Amino acid sequence: MDKEHNHSLIPQEKGELLAKNELVSRSVIKNLIREAISAMEHAYTPYSKFKVGSALLTTKQKIYTGCNIENAGFTPTNCAERTAFFKAVSEGEKEFAAIAIVGGKDGLITDYCPPCGVCRQVIREFVDPRKFLVIIAKSEEEYLVYFLEELLPMSFGPEYL
């Protein structure tokens, strides 16, 4: 590893091709997916049984994970993506590069799990939608990568206020 990545929490292979932006290589994507799968194990889903995990990457290459947390009142339920963002922001982070999301009934990942509309709007609050990557995955080898702008076109952000 070169000096620039010595203290990184993200393992990278030397000379690796980059994905859609300069911070997120294929090995970073795979690591985020692994972290999201691990976070999914902590999901509290007694009602839907649909577990979701996420791994949020800051521009400083720190990872914050999240899982969905259901509530009997349903409305107070929190998604994995928002859990990760709220954890990061509550610790002073405000610059983000990417998020990986996985999910499935009974914790079995059988299909892609894109973020809901509320999560897309929360993500939008903190990122440039033309640069932030959303990775939805079935496994480390099977994933799709989008810019947030592709998932939330014509979004409303802080710059409009």
C-alpha atoms as a PDB file:
ATOM      1  CA  MET A   1       0.000   0.000   0.000  1.00  0.00           C
ATOM      2  CA  ASP A   2       1.268   3.469  -0.775  1.00  0.00           C
ATOM      3  CA  LYS A   3       1.658   6.109   1.947  1.00  0.00           C
ATOM      4  CA  GLU A   4      -1.621   7.792   1.039  1.00  0.00           C
ATOM      5  CA  HIS A   5      -3.613   4.701   2.043  1.00  0.00           C
ATOM      6  CA  ASN A   6      -1.557   3.524   5.058  1.00  0.00           C
ATOM      7  CA  HIS A   7      -4.153   4.681   7.577  1.00  0.00           C
ATOM      8  CA  SER A   8      -7.174   3.923   5.439  1.00  0.00           C
ATOM      9  CA  LEU A   9      -9.866   1.621   6.747  1.00  0.00           C
ATOM     10  CA  ILE A  10     -10.430   0.553   3.145  1.00  0.00           C
ATOM     11  CA  PRO A  11      -8.154  -2.151   1.750  1.00  0.00           C
ATOM     12  CA  GLN A  12      -7.156  -1.451  -1.868  1.00  0.00           C
ATOM     13  CA  GLU A  13      -5.110  -3.321  -4.420  1.00  0.00           C
ATOM     14  CA  LYS A  14      -2.223  -1.401  -5.985  1.00  0.00           C
ATOM     15  CA  GLY A  15      -2.860  -0.215  -9.534  1.00  0.00           C
ATOM     16  CA  GLU A  16      -6.540  -1.083  -9.387  1.00  0.00           C
ATOM     17  CA  LEU A  17      -8.929   0.546 -11.839  1.00  0.00           C
ATOM     18  CA  LEU A  18     -11.347   3.015 -10.302  1.00  0.00           C
ATOM     19  CA  ALA A  19     -15.119   2.926 -10.473  1.00  0.00           C
ATOM     20  CA  LYS A  20     -17.306   5.985 -11.142  1.00  0.00           C
ATOM     21  CA  ASN A  21     -15.275   8.359  -8.990  1.00  0.00           C
ATOM     22  CA  GLU A  22     -11.708   8.703  -7.778  1.00  0.00           C
ATOM     23  CA  LEU A  23     -12.345   7.452  -4.205  1.00  0.00           C
ATOM     24  CA  VAL A  24     -14.261   4.299  -4.955  1.00  0.00           C
ATOM     25  CA  SER A  25     -12.345   1.420  -6.523  1.00  0.00           C
ATOM     26  CA  ARG A  26     -13.630  -2.097  -7.037  1.00  0.00           C
ATOM     27  CA  SER A  27     -11.974  -3.296  -3.833  1.00  0.00           C
ATOM     28  CA  VAL A  28     -13.589  -0.407  -1.937  1.00  0.00           C
ATOM     29  CA  ILE A  29     -16.972  -1.395  -3.375  1.00  0.00           C
ATOM     30  CA  LYS A  30     -16.460  -5.023  -2.313  1.00  0.00           C
ATOM     31  CA  ASN A  31     -15.396  -3.935   1.169  1.00  0.00           C
ATOM     32  CA  LEU A  32     -18.471  -1.686   1.500  1.00  0.00           C
ATOM     33  CA  ILE A  33     -20.707  -4.569   0.413  1.00  0.00           C
ATOM     34  CA  ARG A  34     -19.083  -6.862   3.009  1.00  0.00           C
ATOM     35  CA  GLU A  35     -19.641  -4.223   5.691  1.00  0.00           C
ATOM     36  CA  ALA A  36     -23.284  -3.756   4.613  1.00  0.00           C
ATOM     37  CA  ILE A  37     -23.884  -7.517   4.757  1.00  0.00           C
ATOM     38  CA  SER A  38     -22.366  -7.597   8.229  1.00  0.00           C
ATOM     39  CA  ALA A  39     -24.517  -4.644   9.362  1.00  0.00           C
ATOM     40  CA  MET A  40     -27.637  -6.403   8.068  1.00  0.00           C
ATOM     41  CA  GLU A  41     -27.155  -9.038  10.789  1.00  0.00           C
ATOM     42  CA  HIS A  42     -27.977  -6.391  13.425  1.00  0.00           C
ATOM     43  CA  ALA A  43     -31.299  -5.391  11.837  1.00  0.00           C
ATOM     44  CA  TYR A  44     -34.310  -5.332  14.166  1.00  0.00           C
ATOM     45  CA  THR A  45     -37.195  -6.530  11.986  1.00  0.00           C
ATOM     46  CA  PRO A  46     -39.788  -8.400  14.078  1.00  0.00           C
ATOM     47  CA  TYR A  47     -42.667  -7.253  11.834  1.00  0.00           C
ATOM     48  CA  SER A  48     -41.521  -7.353   8.200  1.00  0.00           C
ATOM     49  CA  LYS A  49     -38.637  -9.821   8.649  1.00  0.00           C
ATOM     50  CA  PHE A  50     -36.940  -7.824   5.840  1.00  0.00           C
ATOM     51  CA  LYS A  51     -33.388  -7.061   6.954  1.00  0.00           C
ATOM     52  CA  VAL A  52     -31.341  -4.267   5.370  1.00  0.00           C
ATOM     53  CA  GLY A  53     -27.735  -3.278   5.916  1.00  0.00           C
ATOM     54  CA  SER A  54     -25.742  -0.329   4.636  1.00  0.00           C
ATOM     55  CA  ALA A  55     -22.157   0.894   4.682  1.00  0.00           C
ATOM     56  CA  LEU A  56     -21.508   4.603   4.170  1.00  0.00           C
ATOM     57  CA  LEU A  57     -18.101   5.836   3.010  1.00  0.00           C
ATOM     58  CA  THR A  58     -16.857   9.299   3.965  1.00  0.00           C
ATOM     59  CA  THR A  59     -14.483  11.240   1.739  1.00  0.00           C
ATOM     60  CA  LYS A  60     -11.845  10.587   4.433  1.00  0.00           C
ATOM     61  CA  GLN A  61     -12.361   6.846   3.792  1.00  0.00           C
ATOM     62  CA  LYS A  62     -14.091   6.061   7.072  1.00  0.00           C
ATOM     63  CA  ILE A  63     -17.033   3.659   7.029  1.00  0.00           C
ATOM     64  CA  TYR A  64     -20.245   4.002   9.027  1.00  0.00           C
ATOM     65  CA  THR A  65     -22.683   1.104   8.982  1.00  0.00           C
ATOM     66  CA  GLY A  66     -26.419   1.024   9.518  1.00  0.00           C
ATOM     67  CA  CYS A  67     -29.281  -1.435   9.711  1.00  0.00           C
ATOM     68  CA  ASN A  68     -33.021  -1.027   9.620  1.00  0.00           C
ATOM     69  CA  ILE A  69     -34.759  -0.755  12.985  1.00  0.00           C
ATOM     70  CA  GLU A  70     -38.510  -1.373  12.997  1.00  0.00           C
ATOM     71  CA  ASN A  71     -41.056  -0.077  15.484  1.00  0.00           C
ATOM     72  CA  ALA A  72     -44.535  -1.305  16.357  1.00  0.00           C
ATOM     73  CA  GLY A  73     -45.816   2.168  15.485  1.00  0.00           C
ATOM     74  CA  PHE A  74     -44.337   1.727  11.955  1.00  0.00           C
ATOM     75  CA  THR A  75     -43.771   5.476  11.353  1.00  0.00           C
ATOM     76  CA  PRO A  76     -40.792   5.617  13.767  1.00  0.00           C
ATOM     77  CA  THR A  77     -39.079   2.800  11.837  1.00  0.00           C
ATOM     78  CA  ASN A  78     -35.650   3.831  10.562  1.00  0.00           C
ATOM     79  CA  CYS A  79     -33.992   2.513   7.403  1.00  0.00           C
ATOM     80  CA  ALA A  80     -30.413   1.249   7.254  1.00  0.00           C
ATOM     81  CA  GLU A  81     -29.275   4.103   5.039  1.00  0.00           C
ATOM     82  CA  ARG A  82     -30.597   6.791   7.371  1.00  0.00           C
ATOM     83  CA  THR A  83     -29.140   4.964  10.379  1.00  0.00           C
ATOM     84  CA  ALA A  84     -25.672   5.108   8.770  1.00  0.00           C
ATOM     85  CA  PHE A  85     -26.032   8.773   7.803  1.00  0.00           C
ATOM     86  CA  PHE A  86     -27.341   9.804  11.212  1.00  0.00           C
ATOM     87  CA  LYS A  87     -24.507   7.935  12.974  1.00  0.00           C
ATOM     88  CA  ALA A  88     -21.924   9.639  10.765  1.00  0.00           C
ATOM     89  CA  VAL A  89     -23.405  13.129  11.032  1.00  0.00           C
ATOM     90  CA  SER A  90     -23.811  12.756  14.810  1.00  0.00           C
ATOM     91  CA  GLU A  91     -20.049  12.159  14.961  1.00  0.00           C
ATOM     92  CA  GLY A  92     -19.228  15.247  12.908  1.00  0.00           C
ATOM     93  CA  GLU A  93     -18.969  13.760   9.411  1.00  0.00           C
ATOM     94  CA  LYS A  94     -20.523  15.744   6.585  1.00  0.00           C
ATOM     95  CA  GLU A  95     -18.635  14.702   3.446  1.00  0.00           C
ATOM     96  CA  PHE A  96     -19.524  11.398   1.823  1.00  0.00           C
ATOM     97  CA  ALA A  97     -18.462   9.444  -1.271  1.00  0.00           C
ATOM     98  CA  ALA A  98     -20.642   6.317  -1.473  1.00  0.00           C
ATOM     99  CA  ILE A  99     -23.076   3.976   0.225  1.00  0.00           C
ATOM    100  CA  ALA A 100     -23.588   0.234  -0.288  1.00  0.00           C
ATOM    101  CA  ILE A 101     -26.996  -1.286   0.450  1.00  0.00           C
ATOM    102  CA  VAL A 102     -28.074  -4.922   0.754  1.00  0.00           C
ATOM    103  CA  GLY A 103     -31.262  -6.500   2.005  1.00  0.00           C
ATOM    104  CA  GLY A 104     -33.650  -9.391   1.918  1.00  0.00           C
ATOM    105  CA  LYS A 105     -36.444 -11.275   3.614  1.00  0.00           C
ATOM    106  CA  ASP A 106     -35.196 -13.207   6.649  1.00  0.00           C
ATOM    107  CA  GLY A 107     -31.720 -11.820   5.934  1.00  0.00           C
ATOM    108  CA  LEU A 108     -31.378 -13.728   2.642  1.00  0.00           C
ATOM    109  CA  ILE A 109     -30.173 -11.521  -0.188  1.00  0.00           C
ATOM    110  CA  THR A 110     -31.984 -12.627  -3.340  1.00  0.00           C
ATOM    111  CA  ASP A 111     -32.385  -9.338  -5.202  1.00  0.00           C
ATOM    112  CA  TYR A 112     -31.177  -5.740  -5.251  1.00  0.00           C
ATOM    113  CA  CYS A 113     -32.456  -3.465  -2.477  1.00  0.00           C
ATOM    114  CA  PRO A 114     -32.534   0.161  -3.649  1.00  0.00           C
ATOM    115  CA  PRO A 115     -33.024   2.987  -1.123  1.00  0.00           C
ATOM    116  CA  CYS A 116     -36.562   4.187  -0.478  1.00  0.00           C
ATOM    117  CA  GLY A 117     -37.627   7.712  -1.408  1.00  0.00           C
ATOM    118  CA  VAL A 118     -37.177   9.086   2.115  1.00  0.00           C
ATOM    119  CA  CYS A 119     -33.625   7.720   2.249  1.00  0.00           C
ATOM    120  CA  ARG A 120     -32.835   9.178  -1.159  1.00  0.00           C
ATOM    121  CA  GLN A 121     -33.915  12.599   0.117  1.00  0.00           C
ATOM    122  CA  VAL A 122     -31.899  12.251   3.350  1.00  0.00           C
ATOM    123  CA  ILE A 123     -28.842  11.224   1.337  1.00  0.00           C
ATOM    124  CA  ARG A 124     -29.397  14.233  -0.941  1.00  0.00           C
ATOM    125  CA  GLU A 125     -29.182  16.583   2.034  1.00  0.00           C
ATOM    126  CA  PHE A 126     -25.502  15.753   2.526  1.00  0.00           C
ATOM    127  CA  VAL A 127     -24.070  14.991  -0.915  1.00  0.00           C
ATOM    128  CA  ASP A 128     -23.572  16.271  -4.412  1.00  0.00           C
ATOM    129  CA  PRO A 129     -25.969  13.996  -6.339  1.00  0.00           C
ATOM    130  CA  ARG A 130     -23.710  14.166  -9.420  1.00  0.00           C
ATOM    131  CA  LYS A 131     -20.770  12.650  -7.508  1.00  0.00           C
ATOM    132  CA  PHE A 132     -22.159  10.454  -4.714  1.00  0.00           C
ATOM    133  CA  LEU A 133     -22.354   6.729  -5.516  1.00  0.00           C
ATOM    134  CA  VAL A 134     -25.166   4.387  -4.488  1.00  0.00           C
ATOM    135  CA  ILE A 135     -24.156   0.729  -4.687  1.00  0.00           C
ATOM    136  CA  ILE A 136     -26.930  -1.849  -4.506  1.00  0.00           C
ATOM    137  CA  ALA A 137     -25.727  -5.414  -4.241  1.00  0.00           C
ATOM    138  CA  LYS A 138     -26.678  -9.055  -4.179  1.00  0.00           C
ATOM    139  CA  SER A 139     -23.086 -10.051  -3.334  1.00  0.00           C
ATOM    140  CA  GLU A 140     -19.526  -8.767  -3.620  1.00  0.00           C
ATOM    141  CA  GLU A 141     -19.486  -9.907  -7.234  1.00  0.00           C
ATOM    142  CA  GLU A 142     -23.014  -8.888  -8.232  1.00  0.00           C
ATOM    143  CA  TYR A 143     -23.757  -5.199  -7.756  1.00  0.00           C
ATOM    144  CA  LEU A 144     -24.983  -2.082  -9.534  1.00  0.00           C
ATOM    145  CA  VAL A 145     -23.475   1.389  -9.119  1.00  0.00           C
ATOM    146  CA  TYR A 146     -25.430   4.615  -9.647  1.00  0.00           C
ATOM    147  CA  PHE A 147     -24.854   8.270  -9.041  1.00  0.00           C
ATOM    148  CA  LEU A 148     -27.556   9.547  -6.664  1.00  0.00           C
ATOM    149  CA  GLU A 149     -28.673  11.879  -9.454  1.00  0.00           C
ATOM    150  CA  GLU A 150     -29.666   8.810 -11.484  1.00  0.00           C
ATOM    151  CA  LEU A 151     -31.910   7.567  -8.651  1.00  0.00           C
ATOM    152  CA  LEU A 152     -33.261  10.988  -7.667  1.00  0.00           C
ATOM    153  CA  PRO A 153     -33.401  13.225 -10.739  1.00  0.00           C
ATOM    154  CA  MET A 154     -34.272  16.914 -10.328  1.00  0.00           C
ATOM    155  CA  SER A 155     -33.785  16.597  -6.570  1.00  0.00           C
ATOM    156  CA  PHE A 156     -34.465  19.326  -4.039  1.00  0.00           C
ATOM    157  CA  GLY A 157     -31.465  20.205  -1.907  1.00  0.00           C
ATOM    158  CA  PRO A 158     -30.202  22.808   0.550  1.00  0.00           C
ATOM    159  CA  GLU A 159     -29.080  25.111  -2.260  1.00  0.00           C
ATOM    160  CA  TYR A 160     -32.748  25.857  -3.027  1.00  0.00           C
ATOM    161  CA  LEU A 161     -33.401  27.405   0.382  1.00  0.00           C
END
